[in-house]
Amino acid sequence: MLDRLPFLVGLRYVRAKRRNHFISFISLTSMLGLTLGVAVLILVLSVMNGFDHELRTRILGMVPHTRIEATDGLTQWQALADRLTQRERVVGAAPYVEQQGMFSADGNNQGGMVTGIKPERERQVSIVDEHMQRGSLDELEPGSWNVVLGSALARQLGVGVGDRVTLLVPEASITPAGVFPRLKRFTVSGTFSVGAELDGRLAYANIADMQTLARLGDAVGGLRLELDDLFAASSETQAIVNDLGPGYRGRDWTFTQGNLFQAIQMEKRMIGLLLTVIIAVAAFNIVSTLVMVVTDKRADIAILRTIGATPRSIMGIFMVQGLAIGVIGIAIGVVAGILLALTVSDLIGWVESAFGIHFLDAGVYFISELPSQLRSSDVINIVGAAFGLTFLSTLYPAWRAARVQPADVLRYE
């Protein structure tokens, strides 16, 4: 019977109505604090995961995982592409020619990066074809001098499909009349939108047209590779360059977008750490609650000791009580946090439609809806941290209860 004593008495103390209502209030506050901390932490981490996922699929869907370039340009790119796609991690390869320049149309000027592509191969390494608003990549035929603009870039230039834009490249042409900047007129054949800043500075043209404009002949700027695991890009790029030998160089996505994703991961860790403080405060309230309960139950402890309860059993009673408060608060918080994480996008959408406000303006942010991605690993880590803090918070009050001397207490009863 005494083996079950900590559970029976500890759970009874949780359910019992106390004469001291302040202790009950502190217990409720501790439980609600744990509930709030766990729920908010699950929700915030899910939203951060959602932003990370959107950035990864949109920005890195447009940015190549890795690039392979040659010092003197790639002339036999087809053979090299076939060779690289035989590697285990490489799932696609496409040639490209990049040209930085200034677009001009009807007095509007905007800088941008024009990438010459082969449409049939570009689909292997980019998601641009899946996000075409108007037109198609197939309209980028050799000699057509068509161009596909990002939606933001087209809006800044004030052009649409069928309009003409002039591309000014930072290279000079020497003519009998003097030195003039090189420029070429393109016809806008389509627009794309991935909902990111890339919409305001990227454009696509046929690779043959860009080879002519850049005066590369049959050479291309390099190969863009798609990998099965983008986080293996650094090691795979180094391995490819080592296999190819001198004259080749590689550059993966971490050179251009790595800082952005590192910043997101840092923010996620810091927000998680700060919100864990809420759980720590709630756990500290459990310490206060149990200390006051021990003081209030000194007579009960003395009686239990006189009928044979060991200090270990007394310690277990108050640990069970504190853990019961914590488990109830954590369980409610987990349920609430999961429900909020799964429905936050719909809730925000309902608030926006009901009150006519917009939390995420598509013109400012790269997305217009609040993303959320619930991960079981986050929930497990949060529950483990909350339970650990709760367990630690029960040790001192329980140890203090076990040190109560029956004779000192009953002497004055």
Foldseek 3Di string as FASTA:
>chain_A
DLVCLLVVLLVCVLPDDDPPVVLVVLLVVLLQLLLVLLQVLLQVLQLLVFVLVLCCCQVQLAPFQKWKFFPLFAQPVVVVQVVVCVDPFFQAKWFKAKFWWWKADPHFIDTAIEIATDQVRVVRGHCQQVFWPAAGPVVQDPPQQAKEAQPQQCVRNVDDAFDKMKTFGPDWDQDPVGIDTDMDIGGYRTYGASLAPNSNHYMYHHRNVSCVSVVVPSGTRTMGTHTPDSVCSVVVQVVVDVVVDPRMHMDGPCVPCVVVSVVSVVVSVVVSVVSVVSLLVSLLSLLVSLLVVLVVCLQVLLVCVVVPNALVSLLSNQLSNLLVSLVSSNVSSLVSNVVCLVCVQVVQVVVCVVVVDFPDDSVVGSDRTRTGHRDPVSSVVSSVSSSVSSNVSSRVSSNVSSPRHSCVVVVVD
